[in-house]
Protein backbone atom coordinates (compact mmCIF):
# COMPACT_ATOMS: atom_id res chain seq x y z
CA UNK A 1 -0.01 -0.01 -0.01
CA UNK A 2 1.29 3.38 -0.97
CA UNK A 3 0.57 6.00 1.77
CA UNK A 4 2.16 9.14 3.21
CA UNK A 5 2.72 9.09 6.95
CA UNK A 6 2.53 12.36 9.01
CA UNK A 7 2.86 12.86 12.82
CA UNK A 8 1.28 15.93 14.24
CA UNK A 9 3.78 17.33 16.73
CA UNK A 10 0.98 19.10 18.67
CA UNK A 11 -1.35 16.19 19.16
CA UNK A 12 0.63 13.06 18.49
CA UNK A 13 -1.98 11.95 15.91
CA UNK A 14 -0.73 10.02 13.01
CA UNK A 15 -2.04 10.26 9.48
CA UNK A 16 -1.48 7.42 7.09
CA UNK A 17 -3.15 8.21 3.92
CA UNK A 18 -6.91 8.70 4.99
CA UNK A 19 -6.53 6.97 8.29
CA UNK A 20 -6.14 9.12 11.39
CA UNK A 21 -4.61 7.36 14.34
CA UNK A 22 -5.28 9.02 17.71
CA UNK A 23 -5.32 7.77 21.35
CA UNK A 24 -9.04 7.01 20.88
CA UNK A 25 -8.60 4.59 18.10
CA UNK A 26 -10.06 1.03 18.48
CA UNK A 27 -9.05 -2.17 16.84
CA UNK A 28 -12.50 -2.20 15.24
CA UNK A 29 -11.80 1.10 13.54
CA UNK A 30 -8.90 -0.40 11.50
CA UNK A 31 -9.22 -1.14 7.84
CA UNK A 32 -8.35 -4.42 6.15
CA UNK A 33 -4.92 -2.95 5.39
CA UNK A 34 -4.00 -4.01 8.94
CA UNK A 35 -3.10 -7.55 9.90
CA UNK A 36 -4.77 -7.85 13.45
CA UNK A 37 -3.18 -10.37 15.80
CA UNK A 38 -5.22 -12.26 18.39
CA UNK A 39 -5.17 -10.85 21.78
CA UNK A 40 -2.58 -12.41 24.22
CA UNK A 41 -1.18 -11.63 27.64
CA UNK A 42 2.06 -9.62 27.75
CA UNK A 43 3.94 -9.14 31.04
CA UNK A 44 4.19 -5.31 31.86
CA UNK A 45 5.82 -4.36 35.18
CA UNK A 46 5.34 -7.90 36.45
CA UNK A 47 1.71 -8.15 35.55
CA UNK A 48 0.02 -9.97 32.58
CA UNK A 49 -1.93 -7.42 30.52
CA UNK A 50 -4.23 -8.42 27.63
CA UNK A 51 -2.40 -7.05 24.54
CA UNK A 52 -3.31 -6.98 20.87
CA UNK A 53 -1.13 -5.85 17.87
CA UNK A 54 -2.20 -4.57 14.47
CA UNK A 55 0.38 -4.39 11.72
CA UNK A 56 0.53 -2.96 8.22
CA UNK A 57 3.20 -2.61 5.60
CA UNK A 58 3.25 0.60 3.50
CA UNK A 59 5.49 2.49 1.02
CA UNK A 60 6.00 6.14 2.05
CA UNK A 61 7.99 8.15 -0.51
CA UNK A 62 9.54 4.94 -2.06
CA UNK A 63 10.61 3.74 1.46
CA UNK A 64 9.19 0.55 2.92
CA UNK A 65 7.71 1.07 6.33
CA UNK A 66 6.17 -1.25 8.87
CA UNK A 67 3.53 0.32 11.19
CA UNK A 68 2.65 -1.56 14.37
CA UNK A 69 -0.12 -0.48 16.85
CA UNK A 70 -0.22 -1.86 20.31
CA UNK A 71 -3.47 -2.09 22.26
CA UNK A 72 -3.51 -2.96 25.96
CA UNK A 73 -6.90 -3.74 27.40
CA UNK A 74 -8.39 -2.73 24.03
CA UNK A 75 -6.88 0.79 24.18
CA UNK A 76 -4.20 2.08 21.89
CA UNK A 77 -1.03 2.87 23.83
CA UNK A 78 1.79 2.91 21.36
CA UNK A 79 2.73 3.03 17.72
CA UNK A 80 6.00 1.63 16.34
CA UNK A 81 7.64 2.28 12.90
CA UNK A 82 10.42 0.21 11.33
CA UNK A 83 12.06 0.37 7.98
CA UNK A 84 12.50 -3.19 6.73
CA UNK A 85 14.63 -2.37 3.73
CA UNK A 86 17.14 -0.47 5.80
CA UNK A 87 20.60 -2.12 6.20
CA UNK A 88 21.03 -3.34 9.80
CA UNK A 89 23.84 -0.84 10.54
CA UNK A 90 21.88 2.00 9.11
CA UNK A 91 18.48 1.41 10.94
CA UNK A 92 19.11 3.75 13.88
CA UNK A 93 20.19 6.61 11.56
CA UNK A 94 17.14 6.11 9.28
CA UNK A 95 14.77 6.03 12.36
CA UNK A 96 16.35 9.09 13.85
CA UNK A 97 16.14 10.99 10.47
CA UNK A 98 12.47 10.02 10.03
CA UNK A 99 11.61 11.06 13.56
CA UNK A 100 13.41 14.32 13.17
CA UNK A 101 11.66 14.95 9.93
CA UNK A 102 8.17 14.29 11.76
CA UNK A 103 8.75 15.91 15.08
CA UNK A 104 11.92 18.02 14.87
CA UNK A 105 14.17 15.83 16.90
CA UNK A 106 15.70 12.37 16.37
CA UNK A 107 16.96 11.37 19.84
CA UNK A 108 16.25 8.50 22.09
CA UNK A 109 13.37 10.14 24.10
CA UNK A 110 11.42 13.30 24.08
CA UNK A 111 8.25 14.02 26.14
CA UNK A 112 5.19 15.92 24.74
CA UNK A 113 1.86 16.99 26.21
CA UNK A 114 0.37 14.07 24.36
CA UNK A 115 3.00 11.34 25.24
CA UNK A 116 6.59 10.55 24.28
CA UNK A 117 8.62 9.58 21.29
CA UNK A 118 11.95 8.36 20.38
CA UNK A 119 14.23 5.72 18.82
CA UNK A 120 15.00 2.57 20.61
CA UNK A 121 16.45 -0.99 19.85
CA UNK A 122 14.47 -4.25 20.54
CA UNK A 123 16.09 -7.31 22.16
CA UNK A 124 17.49 -8.27 18.87
CA UNK A 125 19.25 -4.98 18.40
CA UNK A 126 16.95 -3.82 15.68
CA UNK A 127 16.01 -0.08 15.74
CA UNK A 128 12.56 1.34 15.71
CA UNK A 129 10.61 4.59 16.24
CA UNK A 130 8.15 4.65 19.12
CA UNK A 131 5.32 6.93 19.89
CA UNK A 132 3.62 6.28 23.35
CA UNK A 133 0.41 8.20 24.01
CA UNK A 134 -0.92 9.12 27.34
CA UNK A 135 -2.97 5.84 27.61
CA UNK A 136 0.46 4.07 28.04
CA UNK A 137 0.46 4.08 31.90
CA UNK A 138 3.70 2.17 32.22
CA UNK A 139 5.60 4.77 30.41
CA UNK A 140 3.96 8.02 31.74
């Protein structure tokens, strides 16, 4: 799917083509462009939390992007962006540049009135961009 992604620095809302992702988004609001995984427990701060992920692959300005939404207790808490075509040693730079283009900074963590954003690495060392909204109680 070809779509332009834009993050509003004032609200944290994310536009992907005609889709608007806000903290109020529900899994049932998602189009068939998303692959919705079954709900499963994920341990957060030592407690199992019902968690569900929705994933879509898009092309934004000729760049492959994976968008992953995380819902906890059926509430959107986080959005993650990865760049599958990036070389492993270039992922962090690409994530930082994309975040800088969207929000004006490309560092590891920045806090906003709507939540927080940054670039991090997963357990495998792969880089990603994260946007946590105020629903994400274990971050805020």
